[in-house]
Protein backbone atom coordinates (compact mmCIF):
# COMPACT_ATOMS: atom_id res chain seq x y z
CA MET A 1 91.29 -99.57 42.15
CA ASN A 2 93.26 -96.72 43.61
CA TRP A 3 94.03 -95.48 40.12
CA LEU A 4 90.33 -94.70 39.64
CA ILE A 5 90.41 -92.14 42.43
CA ALA A 6 91.49 -88.81 41.00
CA THR A 7 92.77 -86.21 43.34
CA ALA A 8 91.52 -82.85 42.10
CA PRO A 9 93.30 -79.67 43.20
CA THR A 10 91.34 -77.72 45.77
CA LYS A 11 90.38 -74.16 45.03
CA THR A 12 89.26 -71.55 47.51
CA TYR A 13 86.28 -69.50 46.48
CA GLY A 14 85.29 -66.10 47.81
CA ILE A 15 86.40 -62.51 47.58
CA ASP A 16 89.30 -61.16 49.54
CA LEU A 17 88.41 -57.53 50.29
CA VAL A 18 92.02 -56.50 50.78
CA GLU A 19 92.96 -58.10 47.49
CA ALA A 20 89.97 -56.49 45.80
CA LEU A 21 91.02 -53.05 47.03
CA THR A 22 94.66 -53.45 46.06
CA GLU A 23 94.04 -55.01 42.65
CA SER A 24 91.21 -52.72 41.58
CA SER A 25 91.87 -49.90 39.18
CA LEU A 26 92.61 -46.39 40.36
CA MET A 27 89.12 -45.23 39.38
CA VAL A 28 87.39 -48.01 41.33
CA GLN A 29 89.64 -47.36 44.33
CA SER A 30 88.76 -43.66 44.17
CA VAL A 31 85.04 -44.48 44.11
CA LEU A 32 85.43 -46.80 47.10
CA LEU A 33 87.37 -44.13 49.00
CA VAL A 34 84.65 -41.55 48.35
CA LEU A 35 81.95 -43.96 49.50
CA VAL A 36 83.85 -44.89 52.67
CA LEU A 37 84.38 -41.21 53.52
CA MET A 38 80.70 -40.48 52.92
CA SER A 39 79.71 -43.42 55.12
CA LEU A 40 82.02 -42.31 57.93
CA ALA A 41 80.64 -38.77 57.72
CA CYS A 42 77.09 -40.10 57.88
CA TRP A 43 77.79 -42.18 60.97
CA PHE A 44 79.38 -39.15 62.64
CA ILE A 45 76.31 -37.03 61.83
CA ILE A 46 73.96 -39.78 63.04
CA GLY A 47 75.75 -40.00 66.39
CA PHE A 48 76.10 -36.26 66.82
CA LYS A 49 72.51 -35.37 65.91
CA TRP A 50 71.06 -38.24 67.95
CA PHE A 51 72.88 -36.94 71.03
CA GLN A 52 71.84 -33.37 70.21
CA PHE A 53 68.15 -34.25 69.92
CA LEU A 54 68.25 -36.38 73.06
CA ARG A 55 69.86 -33.59 75.05
CA ALA A 56 67.45 -30.98 73.65
CA ALA A 57 64.39 -33.08 74.53
CA LYS A 58 65.51 -33.51 78.12
CA ALA A 59 66.38 -29.80 78.45
CA ASN A 60 63.01 -28.79 76.98
CA GLN A 61 61.16 -30.94 79.47
CA LYS A 62 63.04 -29.47 82.44
CA PHE A 63 62.61 -25.90 81.20
CA LEU A 64 58.89 -26.28 80.60
CA GLU A 65 58.41 -27.74 84.06
CA MET A 66 60.23 -24.74 85.49
CA PHE A 67 58.35 -22.25 83.28
CA TRP A 68 54.84 -23.48 84.09
CA GLY A 69 55.73 -23.86 87.74
CA SER A 70 56.80 -20.23 88.08
CA ARG A 71 54.62 -17.15 88.30
CA LYS A 72 57.26 -14.53 87.43
CA LEU A 73 58.76 -14.17 83.98
CA ASP A 74 61.83 -12.38 85.28
CA LYS A 75 62.61 -15.33 87.54
CA VAL A 76 62.13 -17.72 84.62
CA PHE A 77 64.52 -15.60 82.56
CA GLU A 78 67.15 -15.77 85.28
CA ASP A 79 66.90 -19.54 85.47
CA ALA A 80 66.61 -20.11 81.72
CA SER A 81 70.37 -19.93 81.27
CA GLN A 82 70.58 -23.29 83.05
CA PHE A 83 69.15 -24.94 79.92
CA PRO A 84 71.49 -23.95 77.06
CA SER A 85 70.55 -27.07 75.09
CA SER A 86 66.83 -26.29 75.12
CA PRO A 87 65.43 -24.70 71.93
CA VAL A 88 62.33 -23.65 73.88
CA SER A 89 64.51 -21.90 76.45
CA ARG A 90 66.40 -20.02 73.74
CA VAL A 91 63.12 -18.93 72.14
CA PHE A 92 61.83 -17.68 75.48
CA GLN A 93 65.01 -15.77 76.27
CA GLU A 94 65.03 -13.90 72.97
CA ALA A 95 61.33 -13.07 73.25
CA TYR A 96 61.74 -11.89 76.84
CA LYS A 97 64.68 -9.65 75.89
CA GLU A 98 62.55 -8.10 73.17
CA MET A 99 59.70 -7.61 75.61
CA VAL A 100 62.01 -5.78 78.04
CA ARG A 101 63.34 -3.62 75.22
CA VAL A 102 59.81 -2.81 74.09
CA LYS A 103 58.74 -1.84 77.61
CA LYS A 104 61.59 0.65 77.73
CA HIS A 105 60.55 2.21 74.44
CA GLU A 106 56.79 1.63 74.40
CA ALA A 107 56.20 5.37 74.31
CA GLU A 108 57.70 5.40 70.80
CA GLY A 109 55.88 2.40 69.30
CA GLY A 110 52.78 2.00 71.40
CA MET A 111 51.51 -1.16 73.03
CA LEU A 112 50.24 -2.81 69.85
CA SER A 113 53.52 -2.15 68.05
CA GLY A 114 55.40 -3.57 71.04
CA PHE A 115 53.42 -6.80 70.93
CA GLU A 116 54.03 -7.11 67.20
CA ASN A 117 57.77 -6.67 67.75
CA VAL A 118 57.78 -9.56 70.21
CA GLU A 119 55.74 -11.64 67.78
CA ARG A 120 58.24 -10.96 64.99
CA THR A 121 61.09 -11.91 67.30
CA LEU A 122 59.41 -15.18 68.11
CA ARG A 123 58.97 -15.98 64.42
CA ARG A 124 62.62 -15.18 63.72
CA VAL A 125 63.97 -17.24 66.61
CA ARG A 126 61.70 -20.17 65.74
CA GLN A 127 63.11 -20.16 62.21
CA GLU A 128 66.65 -20.02 63.59
CA GLU A 129 65.96 -23.02 65.79
CA LEU A 130 64.52 -24.92 62.84
CA THR A 131 67.64 -24.14 60.82
CA ARG A 132 69.84 -25.23 63.72
CA SER A 133 68.02 -28.56 64.07
CA GLU A 134 68.25 -29.23 60.32
CA ARG A 135 71.98 -28.55 60.18
CA MET A 136 73.97 -31.45 58.61
CA ILE A 137 70.79 -33.50 58.04
CA PRO A 138 70.70 -32.79 54.25
CA PHE A 139 74.03 -34.60 53.91
CA LEU A 140 72.30 -37.81 54.98
CA GLY A 141 69.69 -37.36 52.27
CA THR A 142 72.38 -36.55 49.72
CA THR A 143 74.33 -39.68 50.64
CA GLY A 144 71.22 -41.84 50.56
CA SER A 145 70.29 -40.66 47.08
CA THR A 146 73.74 -40.51 45.45
CA ALA A 147 75.83 -43.28 47.07
CA PRO A 148 74.18 -46.16 45.12
CA PHE A 149 74.80 -44.34 41.84
CA ILE A 150 78.41 -43.55 42.78
CA GLY A 151 78.90 -47.22 43.57
CA LEU A 152 77.20 -48.20 40.32
CA PHE A 153 79.52 -45.88 38.42
CA GLY A 154 82.53 -47.64 39.97
CA THR A 155 81.04 -51.01 39.08
CA VAL A 156 80.36 -50.06 35.47
CA TRP A 157 83.85 -48.61 35.13
CA GLY A 158 85.41 -51.77 36.57
CA ILE A 159 83.35 -54.05 34.31
CA VAL A 160 84.35 -52.04 31.23
CA GLU A 161 87.99 -52.42 32.23
CA ALA A 162 87.46 -56.14 32.81
CA PHE A 163 86.03 -56.67 29.32
CA ASP A 164 88.87 -54.60 27.93
CA LEU A 165 91.21 -57.42 29.03
CA ILE A 166 89.59 -59.98 26.70
CA PRO A 167 91.22 -59.07 23.38
CA ARG A 168 94.64 -58.49 24.93
CA ASP A 169 95.25 -62.08 26.02
CA THR A 170 93.71 -65.02 24.21
CA GLY A 171 95.41 -67.67 26.32
CA GLY A 172 93.52 -69.47 29.07
CA SER A 173 89.92 -69.12 29.96
CA ILE A 174 88.24 -65.79 29.29
CA LEU A 175 86.19 -66.20 32.46
CA ASP A 176 89.36 -66.50 34.52
CA LYS A 177 90.59 -63.24 33.04
CA VAL A 178 87.51 -61.14 33.74
CA ALA A 179 85.99 -62.78 36.81
CA GLY A 180 88.39 -61.18 39.29
CA PRO A 181 88.15 -57.57 38.00
CA MET A 182 84.36 -57.88 37.65
CA ALA A 183 84.02 -59.16 41.21
CA HIS A 184 86.20 -56.32 42.45
CA ALA A 185 84.08 -53.83 40.54
CA LEU A 186 80.83 -55.18 42.01
CA ILE A 187 82.14 -54.39 45.49
CA ALA A 188 81.65 -50.70 44.66
CA THR A 189 77.90 -51.22 44.32
CA ALA A 190 77.78 -53.13 47.60
CA VAL A 191 79.70 -50.38 49.42
CA GLY A 192 77.40 -47.77 47.88
CA LEU A 193 74.35 -49.57 49.25
CA LEU A 194 75.99 -49.98 52.66
CA ALA A 195 76.53 -46.23 52.76
CA ALA A 196 73.08 -45.33 51.44
CA ILE A 197 70.78 -47.56 53.49
CA PRO A 198 71.73 -46.27 56.97
CA ALA A 199 71.79 -42.71 55.64
CA VAL A 200 68.24 -42.94 54.28
CA MET A 201 66.90 -44.56 57.44
CA ALA A 202 68.58 -41.96 59.66
CA TYR A 203 67.41 -39.10 57.42
CA ASN A 204 63.77 -40.17 57.68
CA TRP A 205 64.06 -40.62 61.45
CA PHE A 206 65.65 -37.20 61.95
CA VAL A 207 63.09 -35.48 59.73
CA ARG A 208 60.36 -36.85 61.98
CA LYS A 209 62.24 -35.74 65.10
CA ILE A 210 62.66 -32.25 63.63
CA LYS A 211 58.92 -31.98 62.99
CA VAL A 212 58.16 -33.02 66.58
CA ALA A 213 60.73 -30.59 68.01
CA HIS A 214 59.49 -27.73 65.83
CA ALA A 215 55.90 -28.43 66.84
CA GLU A 216 56.95 -28.23 70.49
CA VAL A 217 58.59 -24.86 69.91
CA ASP A 218 55.54 -23.60 68.01
CA GLY A 219 53.23 -24.75 70.79
CA PHE A 220 55.24 -22.94 73.43
CA SER A 221 55.47 -19.81 71.27
CA SER A 222 51.69 -19.70 70.91
CA GLU A 223 51.16 -20.10 74.65
CA PHE A 224 53.77 -17.46 75.42
CA LEU A 225 52.20 -15.04 72.94
CA ASN A 226 48.87 -15.46 74.71
CA ILE A 227 50.54 -14.59 78.01
CA LEU A 228 52.20 -11.53 76.48
CA HIS A 229 48.99 -10.47 74.76
CA ARG A 230 47.22 -10.41 78.13
CA HIS A 231 50.16 -8.51 79.56
CA PHE A 232 50.08 -5.80 76.87
CA THR A 233 46.29 -5.46 76.71
CA ASN A 234 45.79 -5.35 80.48
CA LYS A 235 48.56 -2.88 81.10
């Protein structure tokens, strides 16, 4: 009965990523390289901005504790340089410099004009801080929105090349001829999604953090303007 037992050759299934990269066409390889570079750039931005926001939040908290615990603005200005990572501290320093400049020239512009100059300075510095916090974040949004389509382009290109092999060789199974190139091409879509998903999640998280940070700067600016308004009107 041993002759009834047929020994079938074993075949290993699965996709070898190294083989897929080396055997893919130049166009598919180029697409994969672009996606990998975009993904690496996104992870660098995620790490860098996360550390930047964490450091800024801690510096803001320490500066605000020092600011509200002090009764003299000149003393606060002297100590503000200890918090270079704090957006609130930078806003205060620029506004205080403008206030000192206005006090030296208030005979030329008058008290109301001096207050308006400080107010304009605060608006300008707040916008600069918003721009600073948003730096590099748009790249995450760009990657999240374009990486799947870049990967899809590589997949479509690879599938077209795979089907182009059919009329060139009629021997053997057609599926055997196109399965490998098609599988290699589909990797481009997978890599595109792997690059896009973290980028989109990080983009949304950072947008929320930017709104919170900007609201904190706006809140301090309003409180500081009230202090300056009392200073100019009571003088």
